[in-house]
Amino acid sequence: MVRVVGHKNQESREYKIMRYLNSPELRSVMSNHTIPILQELNFREWTFLVLPYLGEHVFDECKPFHTLREVADFLQQTLEVGLLLANYLHVLIAKPRD
């Protein structure tokens, strides 16, 4: 799948977050469930990210949870990614501005 994430010199927040979550140090973290960036493409004034294709019907199988374990797994993964994003926001806020 290919996504447009930037135009001219303006990068989207999505692009900045994806780059952060796909950095080498965070890619090695077991709790990072982020879709990996396969390739970054720049064409003229556009920036694209190439991501794995998840399939046509990837969300068709989203059904209510059947067990308490499924609920717990979902909550754990959501909180893990939330903590990674909270760290990213902390880095942005603490970073000295030029």
N, C-alpha and C. Protein backbone atom coordinates (compact mmCIF):
# COMPACT_ATOMS: atom_id res chain seq x y z
N MET A 1 0.85 -1.15 0.00
CA MET A 1 0.00 0.00 0.00
C MET A 1 0.90 1.23 0.00
N VAL A 2 0.50 2.25 -0.72
CA VAL A 2 1.28 3.49 -0.80
C VAL A 2 0.43 4.63 -0.25
N ARG A 3 1.03 5.43 0.63
CA ARG A 3 0.33 6.58 1.23
C ARG A 3 1.12 7.85 0.97
N VAL A 4 0.42 8.91 0.64
CA VAL A 4 1.04 10.23 0.52
C VAL A 4 1.15 10.80 1.93
N VAL A 5 2.37 11.21 2.31
CA VAL A 5 2.57 11.71 3.67
C VAL A 5 3.22 13.09 3.71
N GLY A 6 3.52 13.63 2.55
CA GLY A 6 4.13 14.95 2.54
C GLY A 6 4.04 15.59 1.17
N HIS A 7 3.99 16.92 1.18
CA HIS A 7 3.97 17.68 -0.06
C HIS A 7 4.89 18.87 0.12
N LYS A 8 5.77 19.05 -0.85
CA LYS A 8 6.81 20.08 -0.79
C LYS A 8 7.63 19.86 0.47
N ASN A 9 7.79 20.86 1.29
CA ASN A 9 8.61 20.70 2.50
C ASN A 9 7.75 20.49 3.74
N GLN A 10 6.47 20.19 3.57
CA GLN A 10 5.59 19.99 4.71
C GLN A 10 5.31 18.50 4.90
N GLU A 11 5.71 17.99 6.05
CA GLU A 11 5.48 16.59 6.38
C GLU A 11 4.25 16.50 7.29
N SER A 12 3.44 15.49 7.08
CA SER A 12 2.26 15.31 7.93
C SER A 12 2.68 14.80 9.31
N ARG A 13 1.81 14.98 10.28
CA ARG A 13 2.06 14.42 11.62
C ARG A 13 2.16 12.91 11.55
N GLU A 14 1.31 12.32 10.71
CA GLU A 14 1.33 10.87 10.53
C GLU A 14 2.72 10.41 10.11
N TYR A 15 3.33 11.12 9.18
CA TYR A 15 4.66 10.78 8.69
C TYR A 15 5.70 10.86 9.81
N LYS A 16 5.64 11.94 10.58
CA LYS A 16 6.60 12.10 11.67
C LYS A 16 6.44 10.99 12.72
N ILE A 17 5.20 10.67 13.04
CA ILE A 17 4.94 9.62 14.03
C ILE A 17 5.38 8.26 13.49
N MET A 18 5.05 7.98 12.22
CA MET A 18 5.45 6.70 11.61
C MET A 18 6.97 6.56 11.58
N ARG A 19 7.66 7.64 11.22
CA ARG A 19 9.13 7.58 11.21
C ARG A 19 9.67 7.32 12.61
N TYR A 20 9.10 7.97 13.61
CA TYR A 20 9.54 7.76 14.99
C TYR A 20 9.31 6.32 15.42
N LEU A 21 8.08 5.81 15.19
CA LEU A 21 7.76 4.45 15.62
C LEU A 21 8.50 3.38 14.81
N ASN A 22 9.02 3.75 13.64
CA ASN A 22 9.79 2.82 12.82
C ASN A 22 11.29 3.04 12.93
N SER A 23 11.71 3.88 13.88
CA SER A 23 13.15 4.09 14.08
C SER A 23 13.77 2.77 14.55
N PRO A 24 15.05 2.57 14.26
CA PRO A 24 15.70 1.29 14.62
C PRO A 24 15.55 0.91 16.09
N GLU A 25 15.67 1.90 17.00
CA GLU A 25 15.57 1.55 18.42
C GLU A 25 14.15 1.15 18.81
N LEU A 26 13.12 1.73 18.18
CA LEU A 26 11.75 1.35 18.53
C LEU A 26 11.27 0.13 17.75
N ARG A 27 11.84 -0.13 16.57
CA ARG A 27 11.46 -1.33 15.82
C ARG A 27 11.85 -2.58 16.60
N SER A 28 12.88 -2.47 17.42
CA SER A 28 13.35 -3.63 18.17
C SER A 28 12.56 -3.86 19.47
N VAL A 29 11.68 -2.93 19.82
CA VAL A 29 10.86 -3.07 21.03
C VAL A 29 9.72 -4.03 20.74
N MET A 30 9.60 -5.06 21.56
CA MET A 30 8.57 -6.09 21.33
C MET A 30 7.15 -5.53 21.38
N SER A 31 6.94 -4.48 22.14
CA SER A 31 5.59 -3.94 22.29
C SER A 31 5.21 -2.97 21.17
N ASN A 32 6.09 -2.79 20.19
CA ASN A 32 5.79 -1.90 19.07
C ASN A 32 5.01 -2.69 18.01
N HIS A 33 3.73 -2.44 17.93
CA HIS A 33 2.85 -3.17 17.00
C HIS A 33 2.57 -2.35 15.74
N THR A 34 3.40 -1.37 15.48
CA THR A 34 3.20 -0.48 14.34
C THR A 34 3.48 -1.20 13.03
N ILE A 35 2.68 -0.89 12.01
CA ILE A 35 2.93 -1.43 10.67
C ILE A 35 4.28 -0.90 10.20
N PRO A 36 5.17 -1.76 9.72
CA PRO A 36 6.51 -1.30 9.31
C PRO A 36 6.47 -0.52 8.00
N ILE A 37 7.36 0.45 7.89
CA ILE A 37 7.56 1.17 6.63
C ILE A 37 8.49 0.33 5.78
N LEU A 38 8.04 -0.07 4.60
CA LEU A 38 8.88 -0.86 3.71
C LEU A 38 9.84 0.03 2.93
N GLN A 39 9.34 1.19 2.53
CA GLN A 39 10.18 2.09 1.75
C GLN A 39 9.60 3.50 1.80
N GLU A 40 10.48 4.46 1.70
CA GLU A 40 10.08 5.86 1.62
C GLU A 40 10.46 6.36 0.24
N LEU A 41 9.51 6.96 -0.46
CA LEU A 41 9.75 7.44 -1.82
C LEU A 41 9.54 8.94 -1.91
N ASN A 42 10.43 9.61 -2.60
CA ASN A 42 10.28 11.03 -2.87
C ASN A 42 10.21 11.21 -4.37
N PHE A 43 9.14 11.83 -4.83
CA PHE A 43 8.95 12.08 -6.25
C PHE A 43 8.54 13.52 -6.43
N ARG A 44 9.41 14.26 -7.05
CA ARG A 44 9.22 15.70 -7.21
C ARG A 44 8.97 16.32 -5.85
N GLU A 45 7.80 16.87 -5.62
CA GLU A 45 7.54 17.54 -4.35
C GLU A 45 6.70 16.70 -3.39
N TRP A 46 6.53 15.43 -3.71
CA TRP A 46 5.68 14.54 -2.92
C TRP A 46 6.52 13.51 -2.18
N THR A 47 6.05 13.14 -0.97
CA THR A 47 6.68 12.06 -0.19
C THR A 47 5.65 10.96 0.02
N PHE A 48 6.05 9.72 -0.24
CA PHE A 48 5.17 8.57 -0.12
C PHE A 48 5.80 7.55 0.83
N LEU A 49 4.96 6.81 1.53
CA LEU A 49 5.41 5.67 2.32
C LEU A 49 4.83 4.41 1.70
N VAL A 50 5.66 3.40 1.56
CA VAL A 50 5.20 2.09 1.10
C VAL A 50 5.06 1.21 2.33
N LEU A 51 3.84 0.70 2.55
CA LEU A 51 3.51 -0.12 3.71
C LEU A 51 3.03 -1.49 3.25
N PRO A 52 3.12 -2.50 4.08
CA PRO A 52 2.63 -3.82 3.68
C PRO A 52 1.12 -3.78 3.39
N TYR A 53 0.71 -4.54 2.42
CA TYR A 53 -0.71 -4.66 2.10
C TYR A 53 -1.33 -5.62 3.10
N LEU A 54 -2.35 -5.17 3.80
CA LEU A 54 -2.95 -5.99 4.84
C LEU A 54 -4.11 -6.84 4.34
N GLY A 55 -4.49 -6.65 3.10
CA GLY A 55 -5.57 -7.45 2.53
C GLY A 55 -6.84 -6.64 2.39
N GLU A 56 -7.66 -7.06 1.45
CA GLU A 56 -8.93 -6.38 1.17
C GLU A 56 -9.89 -6.45 2.34
N HIS A 57 -9.91 -7.58 2.98
CA HIS A 57 -10.93 -7.84 3.99
C HIS A 57 -10.36 -7.85 5.40
N VAL A 58 -9.31 -7.06 5.62
CA VAL A 58 -8.64 -7.09 6.93
C VAL A 58 -9.58 -6.68 8.05
N PHE A 59 -10.50 -5.76 7.78
CA PHE A 59 -11.42 -5.32 8.83
C PHE A 59 -12.74 -6.08 8.81
N ASP A 60 -12.94 -6.94 7.83
CA ASP A 60 -14.16 -7.75 7.79
C ASP A 60 -14.22 -8.71 8.96
N GLU A 61 -13.05 -9.10 9.45
CA GLU A 61 -12.99 -10.07 10.52
C GLU A 61 -13.01 -9.44 11.91
N CYS A 62 -13.20 -8.12 11.94
CA CYS A 62 -13.30 -7.43 13.24
C CYS A 62 -14.67 -7.74 13.84
N LYS A 63 -14.68 -8.64 14.73
CA LYS A 63 -15.91 -9.06 15.39
C LYS A 63 -15.79 -8.76 16.86
N PRO A 64 -16.90 -8.77 17.55
CA PRO A 64 -16.81 -8.55 19.00
C PRO A 64 -15.87 -9.58 19.64
N PHE A 65 -15.30 -9.20 20.75
CA PHE A 65 -14.42 -10.12 21.47
C PHE A 65 -15.20 -11.33 21.94
N HIS A 66 -14.56 -12.49 21.86
CA HIS A 66 -15.21 -13.73 22.27
C HIS A 66 -14.80 -14.18 23.67
N THR A 67 -13.60 -13.77 24.07
CA THR A 67 -13.13 -14.18 25.39
C THR A 67 -12.55 -12.99 26.13
N LEU A 68 -12.43 -13.13 27.43
CA LEU A 68 -11.82 -12.09 28.24
C LEU A 68 -10.35 -11.92 27.86
N ARG A 69 -9.70 -12.99 27.45
CA ARG A 69 -8.29 -12.92 27.04
C ARG A 69 -8.12 -12.02 25.81
N GLU A 70 -9.06 -12.10 24.86
CA GLU A 70 -8.99 -11.24 23.68
C GLU A 70 -9.11 -9.77 24.08
N VAL A 71 -9.98 -9.47 25.03
CA VAL A 71 -10.14 -8.10 25.52
C VAL A 71 -8.84 -7.65 26.19
N ALA A 72 -8.26 -8.49 27.00
CA ALA A 72 -7.01 -8.16 27.70
C ALA A 72 -5.87 -7.93 26.71
N ASP A 73 -5.75 -8.78 25.68
CA ASP A 73 -4.72 -8.60 24.65
C ASP A 73 -4.89 -7.28 23.92
N PHE A 74 -6.13 -6.97 23.56
CA PHE A 74 -6.41 -5.71 22.87
C PHE A 74 -6.01 -4.51 23.74
N LEU A 75 -6.41 -4.54 24.99
CA LEU A 75 -6.09 -3.43 25.89
C LEU A 75 -4.58 -3.30 26.10
N GLN A 76 -3.90 -4.42 26.24
CA GLN A 76 -2.45 -4.39 26.44
C GLN A 76 -1.75 -3.77 25.23
N GLN A 77 -2.11 -4.21 24.03
CA GLN A 77 -1.48 -3.67 22.82
C GLN A 77 -1.79 -2.18 22.65
N THR A 78 -3.02 -1.79 22.96
CA THR A 78 -3.40 -0.39 22.84
C THR A 78 -2.61 0.47 23.82
N LEU A 79 -2.45 0.01 25.04
CA LEU A 79 -1.68 0.76 26.03
C LEU A 79 -0.20 0.80 25.67
N GLU A 80 0.34 -0.28 25.12
CA GLU A 80 1.76 -0.30 24.73
C GLU A 80 2.03 0.75 23.66
N VAL A 81 1.18 0.81 22.65
CA VAL A 81 1.36 1.81 21.59
C VAL A 81 1.13 3.21 22.17
N GLY A 82 0.16 3.34 23.06
CA GLY A 82 -0.08 4.62 23.71
C GLY A 82 1.13 5.13 24.47
N LEU A 83 1.84 4.23 25.15
CA LEU A 83 3.05 4.62 25.87
C LEU A 83 4.15 5.06 24.91
N LEU A 84 4.28 4.37 23.77
CA LEU A 84 5.27 4.78 22.77
C LEU A 84 4.94 6.17 22.24
N LEU A 85 3.66 6.43 21.98
CA LEU A 85 3.26 7.75 21.48
C LEU A 85 3.44 8.82 22.55
N ALA A 86 3.16 8.49 23.80
CA ALA A 86 3.36 9.45 24.89
C ALA A 86 4.84 9.83 24.99
N ASN A 87 5.72 8.87 24.81
CA ASN A 87 7.15 9.14 24.81
C ASN A 87 7.52 10.05 23.65
N TYR A 88 6.93 9.81 22.48
CA TYR A 88 7.18 10.65 21.31
C TYR A 88 6.76 12.09 21.59
N LEU A 89 5.57 12.28 22.17
CA LEU A 89 5.09 13.62 22.48
C LEU A 89 5.99 14.29 23.52
N HIS A 90 6.48 13.52 24.49
CA HIS A 90 7.39 14.07 25.49
C HIS A 90 8.68 14.55 24.83
N VAL A 91 9.19 13.78 23.89
CA VAL A 91 10.41 14.16 23.17
C VAL A 91 10.17 15.45 22.39
N LEU A 92 9.01 15.56 21.74
CA LEU A 92 8.69 16.78 20.98
C LEU A 92 8.61 18.00 21.88
N ILE A 93 7.96 17.86 23.03
CA ILE A 93 7.77 18.97 23.95
C ILE A 93 9.09 19.39 24.59
N ALA A 94 9.90 18.40 24.95
CA ALA A 94 11.16 18.69 25.64
C ALA A 94 12.24 19.17 24.69
N LYS A 95 12.07 18.96 23.38
CA LYS A 95 13.08 19.34 22.40
C LYS A 95 13.20 20.87 22.34
N PRO A 96 14.41 21.40 22.44
CA PRO A 96 14.57 22.84 22.34
C PRO A 96 14.19 23.33 20.95
N ARG A 97 13.51 24.45 20.91
CA ARG A 97 13.07 25.01 19.63
C ARG A 97 14.13 25.96 19.09
N ASP A 98 14.35 25.88 17.79
CA ASP A 98 15.34 26.77 17.15
C ASP A 98 14.74 28.11 16.83
